[in-house]
Amino acid sequence: MIRFLCIVAYVGTVDTAALGGAAPEPNAPKAEIRTPKPPQTPRINGPSILGVRPGNPFLYRIPATGARPMEFSAGFLPAGLAVDAKTGRITGSLKEPGGHVVMLRAKNALGTNEKKFKIVVGETISLTPPRGWNSWNAYHGSVTGENVIHAARAMSSSGLIHHGWGTGRSVAWNCAAKTYVIQQPPGAFNWMIGCRGENVPTPRPFDSSPTLPLGVSDSPGTPVNPQSLYLAQLAERLGPQAVKNIGY
């Protein structure tokens, strides 16, 4: 089964010489991380606004960095939604169109942080631009349920989930599997294009409620061109030789 989640990450390296780019200099300095580490006090990250369709399941995890354990709450939360104090996961459903401004809170032994967060219930749901995402080009035509689950767990275990990283707007392209889970998380879409197999509603992530609406299916059962979106983009960026250099 291939399951697509709303939280994914990919950790890996790319051999630029094999792809047709320049190899690193022999005496080049070692890479170093210059991004300051987040403070141990709570800091809520992520967007300030989220769109959701009326009546659809709502699922949002308050992304917060800082020392654990951490306690979460949400002031002025509208009826129909509830927050899990341990995980920061907000779930439920909102039936009526409109806007709700809530106050997200994260607290640990070192302090407290608050952030205003607006929930907009209506037909327009993509209210923010993509915030950085995992590229399925890492898997292209060989994506499996196992590597998707591995990537999702890497997102969580690495701590990126606390910074607000996540993905909607993912595409399963010309894949073949018996079943899929391609869903529509709040504020985004996922697609399956040219895929063979059945899209099955399943509680996600990790078999927990709620069951989200199904994503968008295009050309079901019939592959589309190009066969591999990854190889087509690679050829466009670096030329046909780059595709040959990796064995295609």
Protein backbone atom coordinates (compact mmCIF):
# COMPACT_ATOMS: atom_id res chain seq x y z
CA MET A 1 0.00 0.00 0.00
CA ILE A 2 1.26 3.48 -0.86
CA ARG A 3 0.24 6.06 1.71
CA PHE A 4 0.77 9.78 1.28
CA LEU A 5 0.92 11.86 4.44
CA CYS A 6 0.73 15.54 5.21
CA ILE A 7 4.08 15.37 7.03
CA VAL A 8 7.11 14.17 5.10
CA ALA A 9 10.81 14.79 4.83
CA TYR A 10 13.70 13.40 2.85
CA VAL A 11 17.25 13.23 4.18
CA GLY A 12 20.00 12.30 1.74
CA THR A 13 22.85 13.40 -0.49
CA VAL A 14 23.18 13.97 -4.22
CA ASP A 15 26.24 13.13 -6.32
CA THR A 16 26.36 16.26 -8.46
CA ALA A 17 29.15 14.86 -10.64
CA ALA A 18 27.02 11.84 -11.57
CA LEU A 19 24.16 14.14 -12.49
CA GLY A 20 26.35 16.15 -14.80
CA GLY A 21 27.27 19.00 -12.43
CA ALA A 22 30.69 19.90 -11.10
CA ALA A 23 32.31 17.66 -8.48
CA PRO A 24 33.35 19.33 -5.19
CA GLU A 25 36.92 20.59 -4.89
CA PRO A 26 39.31 18.11 -3.15
CA ASN A 27 40.40 20.69 -0.56
CA ALA A 28 37.02 22.34 -0.15
CA PRO A 29 36.16 23.23 3.47
CA LYS A 30 33.80 20.90 5.26
CA ALA A 31 30.16 21.87 5.37
CA GLU A 32 28.99 23.48 8.57
CA ILE A 33 25.60 24.38 9.94
CA ARG A 34 25.44 28.11 10.68
CA THR A 35 21.75 28.26 11.46
CA PRO A 36 21.44 29.05 15.18
CA LYS A 37 19.81 26.36 17.25
CA PRO A 38 16.33 27.25 18.51
CA PRO A 39 16.08 28.37 22.12
CA GLN A 40 14.95 25.95 24.82
CA THR A 41 12.06 28.25 25.67
CA PRO A 42 8.87 27.60 23.66
CA ARG A 43 8.52 29.24 20.25
CA ILE A 44 5.47 28.63 18.07
CA ASN A 45 6.30 28.46 14.37
CA GLY A 46 4.27 27.86 11.23
CA PRO A 47 1.68 30.01 9.42
CA SER A 48 -0.66 32.56 10.97
CA ILE A 49 -3.66 31.50 8.88
CA LEU A 50 -5.19 28.22 7.69
CA GLY A 51 -8.09 27.46 5.37
CA VAL A 52 -10.45 24.50 5.69
CA ARG A 53 -13.62 23.53 3.85
CA PRO A 54 -16.92 23.49 5.79
CA GLY A 55 -17.68 20.09 7.29
CA ASN A 56 -14.32 18.56 6.40
CA PRO A 57 -12.19 16.94 9.11
CA PHE A 58 -9.80 19.44 10.69
CA LEU A 59 -6.25 18.38 11.57
CA TYR A 60 -3.50 20.80 12.59
CA ARG A 61 -0.51 20.27 14.85
CA ILE A 62 0.81 23.33 16.68
CA PRO A 63 4.46 23.49 15.54
CA ALA A 64 6.63 24.62 18.45
CA THR A 65 10.34 24.34 19.21
CA GLY A 66 11.75 24.23 22.72
CA ALA A 67 12.58 21.77 25.47
CA ARG A 68 10.20 18.90 26.08
CA PRO A 69 7.92 18.04 27.77
CA MET A 70 5.67 20.81 26.45
CA GLU A 71 2.02 21.56 27.15
CA PHE A 72 -0.28 23.00 24.47
CA SER A 73 -3.55 24.91 24.59
CA ALA A 74 -5.66 27.13 22.34
CA GLY A 75 -7.75 30.05 23.54
CA PHE A 76 -11.02 31.03 21.82
CA LEU A 77 -11.14 27.70 19.97
CA PRO A 78 -14.51 27.48 18.17
CA ALA A 79 -17.01 24.78 19.05
CA GLY A 80 -16.28 21.64 17.10
CA LEU A 81 -12.51 21.73 17.61
CA ALA A 82 -10.39 20.40 20.47
CA VAL A 83 -6.66 20.45 21.20
CA ASP A 84 -4.58 17.61 22.66
CA ALA A 85 -2.51 19.18 25.45
CA LYS A 86 0.35 16.69 25.05
CA THR A 87 0.78 16.64 21.26
CA GLY A 88 -0.61 20.04 20.26
CA ARG A 89 -2.82 18.37 17.67
CA ILE A 90 -6.07 20.23 16.96
CA THR A 91 -8.85 18.05 15.54
CA GLY A 92 -12.56 18.22 14.87
CA SER A 93 -14.76 19.83 12.22
CA LEU A 94 -16.31 23.24 11.50
CA LYS A 95 -19.58 23.28 9.59
CA GLU A 96 -20.29 26.98 9.10
CA PRO A 97 -18.24 29.31 6.82
CA GLY A 98 -16.45 32.15 8.54
CA GLY A 99 -13.27 33.19 10.32
CA HIS A 100 -12.04 32.34 13.82
CA VAL A 101 -9.04 33.97 15.51
CA VAL A 102 -7.61 31.72 18.21
CA MET A 103 -4.60 32.05 20.52
CA LEU A 104 -2.17 29.15 20.33
CA ARG A 105 -0.09 28.53 23.46
CA ALA A 106 2.96 26.39 24.19
CA LYS A 107 4.40 26.04 27.69
CA ASN A 108 7.37 24.22 29.19
CA ALA A 109 9.44 24.53 32.38
CA LEU A 110 11.33 27.52 30.94
CA GLY A 111 8.49 29.71 29.73
CA THR A 112 5.41 30.26 27.61
CA ASN A 113 4.81 31.45 24.05
CA GLU A 114 1.60 32.60 22.36
CA LYS A 115 0.65 33.19 18.73
CA LYS A 116 -2.53 34.42 17.04
CA PHE A 117 -3.83 31.96 14.49
CA LYS A 118 -6.75 32.52 12.12
CA ILE A 119 -8.89 29.63 10.89
CA VAL A 120 -10.86 30.46 7.74
CA VAL A 121 -13.76 28.13 6.89
CA GLY A 122 -14.73 28.40 3.23
CA GLU A 123 -14.05 27.21 -0.30
CA THR A 124 -10.65 28.92 -0.64
CA ILE A 125 -8.21 26.84 1.37
CA SER A 126 -4.66 27.46 0.04
CA LEU A 127 -4.16 30.73 1.89
CA THR A 128 -0.38 30.58 2.23
CA PRO A 129 2.43 29.73 -0.23
CA PRO A 130 4.24 26.40 0.17
CA ARG A 131 6.73 26.53 3.03
CA GLY A 132 9.44 24.15 1.82
CA TRP A 133 8.66 20.55 1.13
CA ASN A 134 10.14 17.16 0.50
CA SER A 135 10.75 16.47 -3.17
CA TRP A 136 9.26 13.21 -4.38
CA ASN A 137 11.92 13.42 -7.10
CA ALA A 138 13.97 11.40 -4.63
CA TYR A 139 11.75 8.42 -5.43
CA HIS A 140 10.09 9.34 -8.79
CA GLY A 141 8.70 6.13 -10.33
CA SER A 142 9.79 3.84 -7.48
CA VAL A 143 7.88 5.41 -4.59
CA THR A 144 6.65 2.80 -2.08
CA GLY A 145 4.69 2.85 1.14
CA GLU A 146 7.83 1.91 3.06
CA ASN A 147 9.95 4.87 1.94
CA VAL A 148 7.08 7.32 2.36
CA ILE A 149 6.53 6.16 5.95
CA HIS A 150 10.31 6.33 6.53
CA ALA A 151 10.38 9.90 5.22
CA ALA A 152 7.45 10.91 7.42
CA ARG A 153 9.08 9.47 10.52
CA ALA A 154 12.32 11.27 9.62
CA MET A 155 10.37 14.52 9.54
CA SER A 156 9.17 13.85 13.07
CA SER A 157 12.36 12.41 14.60
CA SER A 158 14.60 15.13 13.13
CA GLY A 159 12.54 17.85 14.80
CA LEU A 160 11.60 19.56 11.52
CA ILE A 161 7.95 19.05 12.38
CA HIS A 162 8.38 21.46 15.31
CA HIS A 163 9.50 24.20 12.90
CA GLY A 164 6.28 23.95 10.90
CA TRP A 165 7.59 21.84 8.03
CA GLY A 166 5.05 19.66 6.31
CA THR A 167 3.58 18.94 2.94
CA GLY A 168 0.40 19.03 1.10
CA ARG A 169 0.59 19.59 -2.63
CA SER A 170 2.32 16.26 -3.28
CA VAL A 171 1.87 14.21 -6.44
CA ALA A 172 1.91 10.46 -7.02
CA TRP A 173 2.89 10.30 -10.70
CA ASN A 174 2.43 7.15 -12.82
CA CYS A 175 2.69 4.90 -9.77
CA ALA A 176 1.41 1.33 -9.58
CA ALA A 177 0.10 -0.20 -6.35
CA LYS A 178 -2.90 -2.19 -5.15
CA THR A 179 -4.10 0.65 -2.91
CA TYR A 180 -3.16 4.24 -2.06
CA VAL A 181 -4.00 6.78 0.60
CA ILE A 182 -4.00 10.16 -1.18
CA GLN A 183 -5.77 12.70 1.00
CA GLN A 184 -6.65 16.37 1.22
CA PRO A 185 -5.18 17.82 4.44
CA PRO A 186 -6.52 21.15 5.72
CA GLY A 187 -5.17 24.02 3.63
CA ALA A 188 -3.74 21.94 0.79
CA PHE A 189 -4.27 19.23 -1.83
CA ASN A 190 -2.52 16.02 -2.87
CA TRP A 191 -2.85 14.42 -6.30
CA MET A 192 -2.53 11.00 -7.94
CA ILE A 193 -1.95 11.32 -11.68
CA GLY A 194 -1.75 8.40 -14.10
CA CYS A 195 -1.72 5.92 -11.22
CA ARG A 196 -2.93 2.32 -11.27
CA GLY A 197 -4.61 1.20 -8.07
CA GLU A 198 -7.41 2.23 -5.70
CA ASN A 199 -7.38 5.28 -3.45
CA VAL A 200 -8.65 4.04 -0.05
CA PRO A 201 -9.87 6.37 2.75
CA THR A 202 -7.76 5.62 5.83
CA PRO A 203 -7.19 7.56 9.08
CA ARG A 204 -3.82 9.30 8.87
CA PRO A 205 -1.22 9.93 10.06
CA PHE A 206 -0.23 6.52 11.43
CA ASP A 207 -3.78 5.14 11.49
CA SER A 208 -5.12 7.81 13.84
CA SER A 209 -8.32 9.78 13.36
CA PRO A 210 -9.71 11.73 11.63
CA THR A 211 -10.14 10.30 8.14
CA LEU A 212 -9.37 13.15 5.75
CA PRO A 213 -11.16 13.75 2.41
CA LEU A 214 -9.65 12.05 -0.63
CA GLY A 215 -7.20 13.97 -2.79
CA VAL A 216 -7.49 14.70 -6.50
CA SER A 217 -7.30 11.84 -9.02
CA ASP A 218 -6.44 12.53 -12.67
CA SER A 219 -6.20 9.95 -15.46
CA PRO A 220 -6.81 6.99 -13.10
CA GLY A 221 -5.52 3.69 -14.47
CA THR A 222 -3.92 5.33 -17.52
CA PRO A 223 -0.27 6.50 -17.35
CA VAL A 224 0.51 9.99 -18.61
CA ASN A 225 3.52 11.62 -20.28
CA PRO A 226 6.28 12.08 -19.36
CA GLN A 227 6.66 8.67 -17.76
CA SER A 228 8.93 10.07 -15.03
CA LEU A 229 8.48 13.64 -13.87
CA TYR A 230 11.87 13.44 -12.13
CA LEU A 231 13.77 12.42 -15.27
CA ALA A 232 11.98 15.05 -17.36
CA GLN A 233 12.90 17.80 -14.90
CA LEU A 234 16.47 16.51 -14.64
CA ALA A 235 16.89 16.60 -18.42
CA GLU A 236 15.44 20.11 -18.54
CA ARG A 237 17.86 21.36 -15.87
CA LEU A 238 21.08 19.57 -16.82
CA GLY A 239 20.50 18.12 -20.28
CA PRO A 240 19.97 14.60 -21.68
CA GLN A 241 23.47 13.48 -20.66
CA ALA A 242 22.59 13.89 -16.98
CA VAL A 243 19.82 11.31 -17.42
CA LYS A 244 22.24 8.89 -19.09
CA ASN A 245 24.78 9.46 -16.32
CA ILE A 246 22.45 7.89 -13.75
CA GLY A 247 21.63 4.87 -15.87
CA TYR A 248 18.52 5.85 -17.83
